[in-house]
């Protein structure tokens, strides 16, 4: 009906109507769909298993109190890092939840539809990262509880570090201290070096053209003004 009223821009009006309709549907489904996703994530993490960090201490370091003290200190260091990252994740999800509502509303405008895809990737990745993180932590606890020697301790600490890094690797594609808000850009090496080679080749061609033009000027200017 609106396209018949405005006959000169039927595609633009249809795109605007479809965007508004999709935005209204997503806004209505947001308070129902998001709690379902959160419950599914919690149930999946519970199905993987509960991790008991006392298994690390219970494994011990033999009869040497010095070795046990070193193991407990290392354990507390990695456990505190994981705890801080987990609390940071909860705050991150809470802060970006209203942004998802705004992104659903802004989907009505074609110029702002990218916000919904960005929010779904970052917020959803941070939410679902709990499942592989709990899985990695469970593996580390099992290796420490049932293993022996330095190898079991090293492998368990590595999996605890992996459980911490997954909270930035999945949503941000990086394992640094803090992930970039828009995600890390992935540039394949052949493409980068190929582009660099093409750019250098183009620069060489330009430089050759400039040199030939300069040589022509050096030969033409003296001849034109009577100098040999």
Protein backbone atom coordinates (compact mmCIF):
# COMPACT_ATOMS: atom_id res chain seq x y z
CA UNK A 1 0.00 0.00 0.00
CA UNK A 2 2.78 2.43 0.85
CA UNK A 3 4.57 1.48 -2.38
CA UNK A 4 1.47 2.47 -4.34
CA UNK A 5 1.35 5.79 -2.49
CA UNK A 6 5.05 6.43 -3.20
CA UNK A 7 5.52 4.80 -6.62
CA UNK A 8 8.97 6.25 -7.29
CA UNK A 9 10.71 4.36 -4.47
CA UNK A 10 8.96 0.99 -4.09
CA UNK A 11 12.11 -0.98 -3.18
CA UNK A 12 13.17 1.53 -0.55
CA UNK A 13 9.74 1.52 1.07
CA UNK A 14 9.59 -2.29 1.00
CA UNK A 15 13.03 -2.56 2.62
CA UNK A 16 12.00 -0.09 5.32
CA UNK A 17 8.76 -1.98 6.01
CA UNK A 18 10.57 -5.32 6.20
CA UNK A 19 13.15 -3.83 8.58
CA UNK A 20 10.49 -2.39 10.86
CA UNK A 21 8.57 -5.67 10.86
CA UNK A 22 11.69 -7.68 11.69
CA UNK A 23 12.64 -5.21 14.43
CA UNK A 24 9.21 -5.48 16.04
CA UNK A 25 9.34 -9.29 15.93
CA UNK A 26 12.82 -9.40 17.48
CA UNK A 27 11.89 -6.91 20.19
CA UNK A 28 8.87 -9.02 21.10
CA UNK A 29 10.88 -12.26 21.12
CA UNK A 30 13.92 -10.85 22.95
CA UNK A 31 12.63 -11.26 26.56
CA UNK A 32 11.54 -14.83 25.73
CA UNK A 33 14.44 -16.07 23.61
CA UNK A 34 17.40 -14.71 25.61
CA UNK A 35 16.43 -16.41 28.95
CA UNK A 36 16.02 -19.68 27.05
CA UNK A 37 19.53 -19.36 25.63
CA UNK A 38 20.94 -18.57 29.09
CA UNK A 39 19.16 -21.59 30.63
CA UNK A 40 20.40 -23.81 27.82
CA UNK A 41 23.97 -22.66 28.42
CA UNK A 42 23.74 -23.30 32.16
CA UNK A 43 22.22 -26.74 31.63
CA UNK A 44 24.91 -27.66 29.11
CA UNK A 45 27.65 -26.52 31.50
CA UNK A 46 26.05 -28.54 34.34
CA UNK A 47 25.82 -31.58 32.07
CA UNK A 48 29.54 -31.40 31.38
CA UNK A 49 30.28 -31.60 35.09
CA UNK A 50 30.98 -29.58 38.19
CA UNK A 51 34.58 -28.71 38.85
CA UNK A 52 35.94 -29.00 42.36
CA UNK A 53 39.18 -27.11 42.77
CA UNK A 54 39.97 -28.98 46.01
CA UNK A 55 41.08 -31.87 43.80
CA UNK A 56 44.15 -29.82 42.95
CA UNK A 57 45.09 -29.46 46.59
CA UNK A 58 44.07 -33.02 47.38
CA UNK A 59 46.50 -34.38 44.82
CA UNK A 60 49.34 -32.88 46.77
CA UNK A 61 52.97 -32.74 45.86
CA UNK A 62 54.24 -35.77 47.64
CA UNK A 63 55.80 -35.67 51.08
CA UNK A 64 57.70 -32.45 50.50
CA UNK A 65 56.00 -29.43 52.11
CA UNK A 66 57.99 -27.07 49.89
CA UNK A 67 56.66 -28.69 46.72
CA UNK A 68 53.12 -28.63 48.12
CA UNK A 69 53.49 -24.93 48.97
CA UNK A 70 54.70 -24.12 45.46
CA UNK A 71 51.83 -26.06 43.92
CA UNK A 72 49.26 -24.30 46.10
CA UNK A 73 50.69 -20.87 45.23
CA UNK A 74 50.61 -21.64 41.50
CA UNK A 75 47.11 -23.03 41.90
CA UNK A 76 45.86 -19.90 43.63
CA UNK A 77 47.42 -17.69 40.98
CA UNK A 78 45.66 -19.41 38.09
CA UNK A 79 42.44 -19.89 40.08
CA UNK A 80 42.26 -16.16 40.90
CA UNK A 81 42.84 -15.28 37.23
CA UNK A 82 40.05 -17.64 36.19
CA UNK A 83 37.73 -16.28 38.89
CA UNK A 84 38.37 -12.68 37.83
CA UNK A 85 37.71 -13.58 34.20
CA UNK A 86 34.48 -15.38 35.11
CA UNK A 87 33.21 -12.40 37.13
CA UNK A 88 34.25 -10.05 34.32
CA UNK A 89 32.27 -12.22 31.91
CA UNK A 90 29.12 -11.93 34.03
CA UNK A 91 29.43 -8.16 34.12
CA UNK A 92 30.12 -8.07 30.38
CA UNK A 93 26.96 -10.04 29.63
CA UNK A 94 24.88 -7.85 31.94
CA UNK A 95 26.17 -4.59 30.48
CA UNK A 96 25.72 -5.63 26.84
CA UNK A 97 22.25 -7.08 27.35
CA UNK A 98 20.48 -3.68 26.90
CA UNK A 99 22.69 -3.10 23.86
CA UNK A 100 21.04 -6.15 22.30
CA UNK A 101 17.61 -4.59 22.79
CA UNK A 102 18.82 -1.39 21.13
CA UNK A 103 20.37 -3.40 18.28
CA UNK A 104 17.05 -5.16 17.66
CA UNK A 105 15.26 -1.82 17.54
CA UNK A 106 17.89 -0.28 15.24
CA UNK A 107 17.50 -3.16 12.81
CA UNK A 108 14.62 -1.14 11.33
CA UNK A 109 17.22 1.21 9.80
CA UNK A 110 19.33 -0.31 7.01
CA UNK A 111 22.41 1.69 8.03
CA UNK A 112 22.43 0.28 11.58
CA UNK A 113 21.63 -3.37 10.94
CA UNK A 114 25.27 -4.33 11.42
CA UNK A 115 24.90 -3.70 15.16
CA UNK A 116 22.68 -6.75 15.62
CA UNK A 117 25.21 -9.06 13.95
CA UNK A 118 28.06 -7.61 16.01
CA UNK A 119 26.12 -7.93 19.25
CA UNK A 120 24.99 -11.48 18.50
CA UNK A 121 28.55 -12.56 17.75
CA UNK A 122 30.17 -10.92 20.77
CA UNK A 123 27.44 -11.45 23.39
CA UNK A 124 26.52 -14.92 22.16
CA UNK A 125 30.16 -15.95 21.96
CA UNK A 126 30.80 -14.75 25.49
CA UNK A 127 27.72 -16.59 26.75
CA UNK A 128 28.48 -19.89 25.02
CA UNK A 129 32.17 -19.72 25.97
CA UNK A 130 31.16 -21.02 29.40
CA UNK A 131 30.59 -24.52 27.98
CA UNK A 132 34.10 -25.18 26.55
CA UNK A 133 35.64 -23.33 29.50
CA UNK A 134 33.98 -25.66 32.02
CA UNK A 135 34.96 -28.63 29.86
CA UNK A 136 38.62 -27.56 29.82
CA UNK A 137 38.58 -26.96 33.57
CA UNK A 138 37.05 -30.40 34.17
CA UNK A 139 39.81 -32.02 32.13
CA UNK A 140 42.43 -30.14 34.14
CA UNK A 141 40.92 -31.25 37.44
CA UNK A 142 40.83 -34.88 36.30
CA UNK A 143 44.44 -34.75 35.16
CA UNK A 144 45.55 -33.30 38.50
CA UNK A 145 43.46 -35.62 40.63
CA UNK A 146 44.31 -38.87 38.86
CA UNK A 147 47.76 -38.06 37.51
CA UNK A 148 51.12 -37.99 39.19
CA UNK A 149 54.35 -36.13 38.83
CA UNK A 150 55.21 -32.84 37.20
CA UNK A 151 53.54 -33.76 33.91
CA UNK A 152 50.08 -34.01 35.46
CA UNK A 153 50.55 -30.68 37.21
CA UNK A 154 51.73 -28.94 34.02
CA UNK A 155 48.89 -30.32 31.93
CA UNK A 156 46.29 -29.37 34.54
CA UNK A 157 47.59 -25.81 34.80
CA UNK A 158 47.62 -25.58 31.00
CA UNK A 159 43.95 -26.56 30.86
CA UNK A 160 43.13 -24.03 33.58
CA UNK A 161 44.83 -21.36 31.49
CA UNK A 162 42.86 -22.60 28.48
CA UNK A 163 39.63 -22.26 30.46
CA UNK A 164 40.58 -18.62 31.11
CA UNK A 165 41.60 -17.84 27.52
CA UNK A 166 38.40 -19.26 26.04
CA UNK A 167 36.48 -16.28 27.44
CA UNK A 168 38.38 -14.00 25.06
CA UNK A 169 39.21 -16.43 22.27
CA UNK A 170 35.61 -17.28 21.31
CA UNK A 171 33.97 -13.81 21.34
CA UNK A 172 37.03 -11.69 20.46
CA UNK A 173 39.26 -14.09 18.44
CA UNK A 174 42.23 -13.28 20.66
CA UNK A 175 43.77 -14.54 23.88
CA UNK A 176 45.36 -11.32 25.08
CA UNK A 177 44.72 -9.55 28.36
CA UNK A 178 41.68 -7.90 26.81
CA UNK A 179 39.97 -8.51 23.50
CA UNK A 180 39.18 -5.71 21.08
CA UNK A 181 35.52 -4.65 21.21
CA UNK A 182 35.01 -5.18 17.48
CA UNK A 183 36.94 -8.47 17.33
CA UNK A 184 40.37 -9.20 15.91
CA UNK A 185 40.74 -8.89 12.16
CA UNK A 186 42.00 -11.98 10.40
CA UNK A 187 44.32 -11.28 7.49
CA UNK A 188 45.64 -14.38 5.70
CA UNK A 189 49.38 -14.22 5.19
CA UNK A 190 49.34 -15.03 1.42
CA UNK A 191 46.82 -12.28 0.80
CA UNK A 192 48.79 -9.77 2.87
CA UNK A 193 52.13 -10.57 1.29
CA UNK A 194 50.54 -10.77 -2.16
CA UNK A 195 49.02 -7.33 -1.69
CA UNK A 196 52.33 -6.04 -0.39
CA UNK A 197 54.13 -7.47 -3.43
CA UNK A 198 51.60 -5.94 -5.79
CA UNK A 199 51.94 -2.62 -4.02
CA UNK A 200 55.74 -2.75 -4.26
CA UNK A 201 55.45 -3.70 -7.94
CA UNK A 202 53.11 -0.79 -8.53
CA UNK A 203 55.46 1.53 -6.70
CA UNK A 204 58.36 0.28 -8.82
CA UNK A 205 56.38 0.87 -12.00
CA UNK A 206 55.52 4.38 -10.87
CA UNK A 207 59.14 5.06 -9.98
CA UNK A 208 60.24 3.76 -13.41
CA UNK A 209 57.68 5.98 -15.10
CA UNK A 210 58.87 9.00 -13.16
CA UNK A 211 62.49 8.24 -14.00
CA UNK A 212 61.74 7.87 -17.73
CA UNK A 213 59.71 11.08 -17.69
CA UNK A 214 62.54 12.89 -15.94
CA UNK A 215 65.01 11.58 -18.55
CA UNK A 216 62.77 12.80 -21.36
CA UNK A 217 62.54 16.22 -19.76
CA UNK A 218 66.29 16.42 -19.35
CA UNK A 219 66.67 15.68 -23.05
CA UNK A 220 63.84 17.88 -24.29
CA UNK A 221 64.41 21.04 -22.25
CA UNK A 222 68.04 21.73 -23.38
CA UNK A 223 67.10 21.03 -27.00
CA UNK A 224 64.11 23.35 -26.84
CA UNK A 225 66.12 26.20 -25.37
CA UNK A 226 69.21 25.78 -27.62
CA UNK A 227 71.49 23.98 -25.17
CA UNK A 228 73.37 20.75 -26.04
